Amino acid sequence: MKSCLVSFIKITGIVSLMAVMLCFAGCTTAPADTTTITTTVTTYSGPPEPGDWTSSTEFGEMGFTVSSDSTGITKMTFSFVDFLCGGVQFSGDVTSERDTPWPITDGQFTISVYIYPWDMVFQGEFDETGKQASGTWEVTGEDCSGTWESSRA
């Protein structure tokens, strides 16, 4: 920072303000008003770990399998424990598998499955390490939904 010296000179009968700015290197003044803006951007940086993942949910448990190349989900498993939704109570285990995996794009996925009598949608996102995932689930057309978190099983 540089400091500036201002000199005032008075000329007979007429007051003249003459500012002479002499800036000296190494001198300091109070800093000018400044604003610093910091932005944090979290980006998906790596693929999710392949293999089985599990999570507790409001309906019981769910699991999914990430393909060996980490580009898709090949299997979803559900264990319902006295789950009540839309007047229907259900307990039991369900597995849904696909030959063509549900895609994982930029660390995110959306999976729609039919589990009698419901259409269910599961959305998820892997963290930047590829070791944690979280998301939401919902029963289409019903007031039944929740969240889930998972790490590699």
C-alpha atoms as a PDB file:
ATOM      1  CA  MET A   1       0.000   0.000   0.000  1.00  0.00           C
ATOM      2  CA  LYS A   2       1.159   3.574  -0.582  1.00  0.00           C
ATOM      3  CA  SER A   3       0.447   6.671   1.453  1.00  0.00           C
ATOM      4  CA  CYS A   4      -0.128  10.029  -0.186  1.00  0.00           C
ATOM      5  CA  LEU A   5       0.903  13.430   1.201  1.00  0.00           C
ATOM      6  CA  VAL A   6      -1.421  16.286   0.340  1.00  0.00           C
ATOM      7  CA  SER A   7       0.021  19.829   0.453  1.00  0.00           C
ATOM      8  CA  PHE A   8      -2.088  22.978   0.666  1.00  0.00           C
ATOM      9  CA  ILE A   9      -0.673  26.224  -0.703  1.00  0.00           C
ATOM     10  CA  LYS A  10      -2.170  29.697   0.064  1.00  0.00           C
ATOM     11  CA  ILE A  11      -1.566  32.422  -2.507  1.00  0.00           C
ATOM     12  CA  THR A  12      -2.087  36.124  -1.447  1.00  0.00           C
ATOM     13  CA  GLY A  13      -5.699  37.078  -1.346  1.00  0.00           C
ATOM     14  CA  ILE A  14      -6.838  33.991  -3.160  1.00  0.00           C
ATOM     15  CA  VAL A  15      -7.112  30.660  -1.494  1.00  0.00           C
ATOM     16  CA  SER A  16      -6.156  27.966  -3.846  1.00  0.00           C
ATOM     17  CA  LEU A  17      -6.245  24.350  -3.044  1.00  0.00           C
ATOM     18  CA  MET A  18      -3.554  22.538  -4.758  1.00  0.00           C
ATOM     19  CA  ALA A  19      -3.230  18.903  -3.997  1.00  0.00           C
ATOM     20  CA  VAL A  20       0.162  17.554  -4.540  1.00  0.00           C
ATOM     21  CA  MET A  21       0.187  13.853  -4.349  1.00  0.00           C
ATOM     22  CA  LEU A  22       3.513  12.418  -3.435  1.00  0.00           C
ATOM     23  CA  CYS A  23       3.396   8.681  -3.096  1.00  0.00           C
ATOM     24  CA  PHE A  24       6.126   6.956  -1.205  1.00  0.00           C
ATOM     25  CA  ALA A  25       6.878   3.264  -1.581  1.00  0.00           C
ATOM     26  CA  GLY A  26       6.772   1.356   1.651  1.00  0.00           C
ATOM     27  CA  CYS A  27       4.326   3.711   3.415  1.00  0.00           C
ATOM     28  CA  THR A  28       0.923   2.401   4.453  1.00  0.00           C
ATOM     29  CA  THR A  29      -2.540   3.757   4.999  1.00  0.00           C
ATOM     30  CA  ALA A  30      -5.790   2.254   6.126  1.00  0.00           C
ATOM     31  CA  PRO A  31      -7.020  -0.142   3.472  1.00  0.00           C
ATOM     32  CA  ALA A  32      -9.765   0.972   1.134  1.00  0.00           C
ATOM     33  CA  ASP A  33     -13.201  -0.557   1.612  1.00  0.00           C
ATOM     34  CA  THR A  34     -13.125  -3.929  -0.072  1.00  0.00           C
ATOM     35  CA  THR A  35     -15.455  -6.860  -0.339  1.00  0.00           C
ATOM     36  CA  THR A  36     -14.201 -10.414  -0.624  1.00  0.00           C
ATOM     37  CA  ILE A  37     -16.490 -13.024  -2.129  1.00  0.00           C
ATOM     38  CA  THR A  38     -15.643 -16.658  -1.614  1.00  0.00           C
ATOM     39  CA  THR A  39     -17.391 -19.312  -3.666  1.00  0.00           C
ATOM     40  CA  THR A  40     -17.151 -23.012  -2.921  1.00  0.00           C
ATOM     41  CA  VAL A  41     -17.928 -25.365  -5.757  1.00  0.00           C
ATOM     42  CA  THR A  42     -18.313 -29.065  -5.049  1.00  0.00           C
ATOM     43  CA  THR A  43     -17.906 -31.160  -8.119  1.00  0.00           C
ATOM     44  CA  TYR A  44     -18.221 -34.837  -8.702  1.00  0.00           C
ATOM     45  CA  SER A  45     -14.647 -36.019  -8.951  1.00  0.00           C
ATOM     46  CA  GLY A  46     -14.658 -39.776  -9.016  1.00  0.00           C
ATOM     47  CA  PRO A  47     -16.769 -42.795  -9.791  1.00  0.00           C
ATOM     48  CA  PRO A  48     -18.676 -44.567  -7.029  1.00  0.00           C
ATOM     49  CA  GLU A  49     -17.116 -47.696  -5.632  1.00  0.00           C
ATOM     50  CA  PRO A  50     -18.460 -50.799  -7.366  1.00  0.00           C
ATOM     51  CA  GLY A  51     -20.279 -53.444  -5.343  1.00  0.00           C
ATOM     52  CA  ASP A  52     -23.114 -53.619  -2.839  1.00  0.00           C
ATOM     53  CA  TRP A  53     -24.445 -50.605  -0.942  1.00  0.00           C
ATOM     54  CA  THR A  54     -27.081 -50.681   1.838  1.00  0.00           C
ATOM     55  CA  SER A  55     -29.276 -48.151   3.612  1.00  0.00           C
ATOM     56  CA  SER A  56     -31.933 -48.028   6.314  1.00  0.00           C
ATOM     57  CA  THR A  57     -35.142 -46.287   5.269  1.00  0.00           C
ATOM     58  CA  GLU A  58     -38.539 -45.491   6.728  1.00  0.00           C
ATOM     59  CA  PHE A  59     -39.967 -48.594   4.998  1.00  0.00           C
ATOM     60  CA  GLY A  60     -37.172 -50.937   6.121  1.00  0.00           C
ATOM     61  CA  GLU A  61     -33.951 -51.373   4.148  1.00  0.00           C
ATOM     62  CA  MET A  62     -32.837 -50.906   0.583  1.00  0.00           C
ATOM     63  CA  GLY A  63     -29.698 -51.897  -1.225  1.00  0.00           C
ATOM     64  CA  PHE A  64     -28.214 -51.489  -4.652  1.00  0.00           C
ATOM     65  CA  THR A  65     -25.303 -52.853  -6.615  1.00  0.00           C
ATOM     66  CA  VAL A  66     -22.973 -50.547  -8.548  1.00  0.00           C
ATOM     67  CA  SER A  67     -21.581 -52.195 -11.681  1.00  0.00           C
ATOM     68  CA  SER A  68     -17.915 -53.206 -11.843  1.00  0.00           C
ATOM     69  CA  ASP A  69     -17.171 -50.261 -14.177  1.00  0.00           C
ATOM     70  CA  SER A  70     -19.076 -47.840 -11.843  1.00  0.00           C
ATOM     71  CA  THR A  71     -21.309 -46.555 -14.667  1.00  0.00           C
ATOM     72  CA  GLY A  72     -24.621 -48.014 -13.540  1.00  0.00           C
ATOM     73  CA  ILE A  73     -26.725 -49.839 -10.973  1.00  0.00           C
ATOM     74  CA  THR A  74     -27.489 -53.443 -11.836  1.00  0.00           C
ATOM     75  CA  LYS A  75     -29.699 -54.459  -8.907  1.00  0.00           C
ATOM     76  CA  MET A  76     -31.981 -52.920  -6.273  1.00  0.00           C
ATOM     77  CA  THR A  77     -33.096 -54.846  -3.172  1.00  0.00           C
ATOM     78  CA  PHE A  78     -35.826 -53.871  -0.736  1.00  0.00           C
ATOM     79  CA  SER A  79     -36.827 -55.258   2.621  1.00  0.00           C
ATOM     80  CA  PHE A  80     -40.189 -53.835   3.727  1.00  0.00           C
ATOM     81  CA  VAL A  81     -41.149 -54.094   7.404  1.00  0.00           C
ATOM     82  CA  ASP A  82     -44.816 -53.272   8.130  1.00  0.00           C
ATOM     83  CA  PHE A  83     -44.704 -50.439   5.590  1.00  0.00           C
ATOM     84  CA  LEU A  84     -48.051 -48.634   5.367  1.00  0.00           C
ATOM     85  CA  CYS A  85     -48.736 -46.423   2.362  1.00  0.00           C
ATOM     86  CA  GLY A  86     -52.024 -45.500   0.693  1.00  0.00           C
ATOM     87  CA  GLY A  87     -53.969 -47.857   2.913  1.00  0.00           C
ATOM     88  CA  VAL A  88     -51.799 -50.868   2.016  1.00  0.00           C
ATOM     89  CA  GLN A  89     -49.472 -52.466   4.555  1.00  0.00           C
ATOM     90  CA  PHE A  90     -46.616 -54.557   3.233  1.00  0.00           C
ATOM     91  CA  SER A  91     -43.808 -56.677   4.645  1.00  0.00           C
ATOM     92  CA  GLY A  92     -41.438 -58.687   2.501  1.00  0.00           C
ATOM     93  CA  ASP A  93     -38.336 -58.710   0.337  1.00  0.00           C
ATOM     94  CA  VAL A  94     -38.206 -57.594  -3.293  1.00  0.00           C
ATOM     95  CA  THR A  95     -35.312 -57.651  -5.779  1.00  0.00           C
ATOM     96  CA  SER A  96     -35.260 -55.792  -9.088  1.00  0.00           C
ATOM     97  CA  GLU A  97     -32.438 -56.514 -11.552  1.00  0.00           C
ATOM     98  CA  ARG A  98     -31.648 -55.257 -15.046  1.00  0.00           C
ATOM     99  CA  ASP A  99     -29.486 -56.578 -17.844  1.00  0.00           C
ATOM    100  CA  THR A 100     -28.858 -52.977 -18.885  1.00  0.00           C
ATOM    101  CA  PRO A 101     -27.949 -51.087 -15.699  1.00  0.00           C
ATOM    102  CA  TRP A 102     -29.750 -47.952 -14.582  1.00  0.00           C
ATOM    103  CA  PRO A 103     -27.208 -45.254 -15.525  1.00  0.00           C
ATOM    104  CA  ILE A 104     -25.088 -43.244 -13.109  1.00  0.00           C
ATOM    105  CA  THR A 105     -24.448 -39.840 -14.704  1.00  0.00           C
ATOM    106  CA  ASP A 106     -22.207 -37.237 -13.038  1.00  0.00           C
ATOM    107  CA  GLY A 107     -22.521 -39.205  -9.807  1.00  0.00           C
ATOM    108  CA  GLN A 108     -26.343 -39.182  -9.831  1.00  0.00           C
ATOM    109  CA  PHE A 109     -29.079 -41.692 -10.593  1.00  0.00           C
ATOM    110  CA  THR A 110     -32.861 -42.002 -10.778  1.00  0.00           C
ATOM    111  CA  ILE A 111     -34.512 -45.402 -10.634  1.00  0.00           C
ATOM    112  CA  SER A 112     -38.217 -46.101 -11.098  1.00  0.00           C
ATOM    113  CA  VAL A 113     -39.486 -49.536 -10.075  1.00  0.00           C
ATOM    114  CA  TYR A 114     -42.889 -51.125  -9.743  1.00  0.00           C
ATOM    115  CA  ILE A 115     -43.370 -52.890  -6.419  1.00  0.00           C
ATOM    116  CA  TYR A 116     -46.979 -54.056  -6.233  1.00  0.00           C
ATOM    117  CA  PRO A 117     -49.112 -52.041  -5.701  1.00  0.00           C
ATOM    118  CA  TRP A 118     -46.809 -49.021  -5.953  1.00  0.00           C
ATOM    119  CA  ASP A 119     -44.633 -47.220  -8.475  1.00  0.00           C
ATOM    120  CA  MET A 120     -41.601 -46.043  -6.535  1.00  0.00           C
ATOM    121  CA  VAL A 121     -38.873 -43.579  -7.524  1.00  0.00           C
ATOM    122  CA  PHE A 122     -35.419 -43.591  -5.964  1.00  0.00           C
ATOM    123  CA  GLN A 123     -33.016 -40.731  -6.583  1.00  0.00           C
ATOM    124  CA  GLY A 124     -29.451 -40.650  -5.376  1.00  0.00           C
ATOM    125  CA  GLU A 125     -26.148 -38.893  -5.536  1.00  0.00           C
ATOM    126  CA  PHE A 126     -22.655 -40.088  -4.678  1.00  0.00           C
ATOM    127  CA  ASP A 127     -20.309 -37.756  -2.838  1.00  0.00           C
ATOM    128  CA  GLU A 128     -17.040 -36.574  -4.358  1.00  0.00           C
ATOM    129  CA  THR A 129     -15.124 -39.511  -2.812  1.00  0.00           C
ATOM    130  CA  GLY A 130     -17.410 -42.150  -4.343  1.00  0.00           C
ATOM    131  CA  LYS A 131     -17.694 -43.788  -0.901  1.00  0.00           C
ATOM    132  CA  GLN A 132     -20.940 -42.201   0.361  1.00  0.00           C
ATOM    133  CA  ALA A 133     -24.350 -41.772  -1.254  1.00  0.00           C
ATOM    134  CA  SER A 134     -27.649 -40.177  -0.249  1.00  0.00           C
ATOM    135  CA  GLY A 135     -30.984 -39.426  -1.791  1.00  0.00           C
ATOM    136  CA  THR A 136     -34.747 -39.619  -1.662  1.00  0.00           C
ATOM    137  CA  TRP A 137     -37.470 -42.151  -2.347  1.00  0.00           C
ATOM    138  CA  GLU A 138     -41.168 -41.690  -2.976  1.00  0.00           C
ATOM    139  CA  VAL A 139     -44.275 -43.626  -3.842  1.00  0.00           C
ATOM    140  CA  THR A 140     -45.787 -42.020  -6.944  1.00  0.00           C
ATOM    141  CA  GLY A 141     -49.272 -40.639  -6.317  1.00  0.00           C
ATOM    142  CA  GLU A 142     -49.159 -41.228  -2.541  1.00  0.00           C
ATOM    143  CA  ASP A 143     -47.996 -39.179   0.414  1.00  0.00           C
ATOM    144  CA  CYS A 144     -45.190 -41.613   1.209  1.00  0.00           C
ATOM    145  CA  SER A 145     -41.585 -40.493   0.860  1.00  0.00           C
ATOM    146  CA  GLY A 146     -38.334 -40.230   2.705  1.00  0.00           C
ATOM    147  CA  THR A 147     -34.581 -39.908   2.546  1.00  0.00           C
ATOM    148  CA  TRP A 148     -31.732 -42.371   2.675  1.00  0.00           C
ATOM    149  CA  GLU A 149     -27.957 -42.416   3.215  1.00  0.00           C
ATOM    150  CA  SER A 150     -25.565 -45.193   2.375  1.00  0.00           C
ATOM    151  CA  SER A 151     -21.944 -46.192   2.362  1.00  0.00           C
ATOM    152  CA  ARG A 152     -20.261 -49.152   0.785  1.00  0.00           C
ATOM    153  CA  ALA A 153     -21.415 -52.394   2.432  1.00  0.00           C
END
